[in-house]
Amino acid sequence: MGKRRKQRKAAVDRDVISRLPDEILCNILSFLPTRTSVATSVLSHRWRYLWKKVHVLDLNDDFLYTPERSHEEAQERFLIFLNKFELLRRLIRKFHLSCRVGDYGYDDLFHWIDYVIGRVSELHFSMRTDGESHDLHEAFYSTSLVSLVLDGNIIIFLEDFDPIHSESIFPSLKNLELHVNYVDLNVLLSGCPALETLREQYSHSEDVTFELLEVNTPSLEYLRLSFRGCYKQILVCDYPKINKARLDIFPKPRHVAWVLKLLGHFAKQSSCGCKIQQSSFKSRLLIDLLHNCPKLQALKIYISEFIDADDVDSCGSYLNSHKCNGWTQPLSCIVSHLNTVEYRGYLNTPEEHEFTTYILQRGLVLKTMRIHAKHNLRLECGIYKALSEIQRVSSMCRLEVH
């Protein structure tokens, strides 16, 4: 046997991957961008058409934008590239599309979305624009969709859906992630009875205000809401399966009271942690928070200089209209659940010292009180000395001052 023939045989013997069944190879290719998956067709005759059996289409237009090419030309080339997969549309189960959207080819691009949304189990559409918003309203219905992610300057219209008399919009949907300009979330959520994960972020102007948001999704396991003062009130249901909720909310004046109620609805289901960010320390707001979270285990307080004046006024409006719940009786979460308190931006004001003392003297299961002063060694020493003199009710409590 010649030397080259032996080398070829040795290379074939080392090619363990090509010996795998098509099902496994297709599964491996499904984790790659489709453009990379197609590139494997040159490896050998075995690989030539293997990528066509993959049920995942993951496309983006990054490779088309070059310094010598205009945006219009890049968009035109991407639509040509996209249409090469026309025959594969009926076979795909997951469709990921990330691209720039301009005036050119807008209808063709959204025709793809309208087609696949009723046929795939997973749709992830991320679009970039120069600030212009685009409407998505045709064929917004699917019985097969399990995961939907929409990101960009998108306006979603659901005008024809009646939540009382119509069938569900997405009866099988379990994961919903929206970072869009506008959608009537009340209508959309009413059409998603099986929803388990909700991530929602509005990017519209903070001047827009709606009366009510109703999150009536009892199957919810994870919730993330991020918006800036766009709802006066939120109504919730019981969430027996919830295990994590993140609320990035900057309410307007008069709209703050429901935040604590919403937190309490999640916190009463199971033990939890809470991170609250303020522009300045407000003990009354924190005490009301603890009243509403009877199973709170971890409390993180962040004092930030980057919260604007409108948010300060919001908390001030709340404090002026709500009486303090009182400090006399120990709160149930402090006595039975709270084990970690972390405070960043501590200035050792009388109000801060009083609140910290309250926790140390009543926290029966408290394990850690971690204080971060504002980069002042002299202040750190003063804080540690003052707090060390407080008698802690928990024998396992460790005081840390940084």
Foldseek 3Di string as FASTA:
>chain_A
DDPVVVVVVVVVVPPPVLPDDLVVVLVVLLVDALVVLCVCLPVDVSSVCSSLQRQEHADEQVVQDDPVDDPLRSVVVVLVVVCVCVVSLQRHAEYHYEYEDDPPCNVVVLVSVLVNVARHQYYAYAYEYPPDADEREPNQAYARHAEYHYYDAYEYDDPPDDLPPDAARHANYAYYAYEYADDLQQRNQSRHQQYAEYHYAHPHDLVAADEEAENEHQNYAEEEYAYEAHYLAYHYDAHLNHDYYHYHYQHAANRPPRVLVVLLRRQVNAEDEDEDEEQDDDVQVVQSSLLSRLRYAEYEYHHDNPDDPRSVVRVVNVPVVDDRPDLPDDRNCQQPHHAYYEYAADPPDPVVLVSVLSSQARRQNHQEYEYEHDPDPVSQVVVCVSVVPRHGNHPNYDYHYD
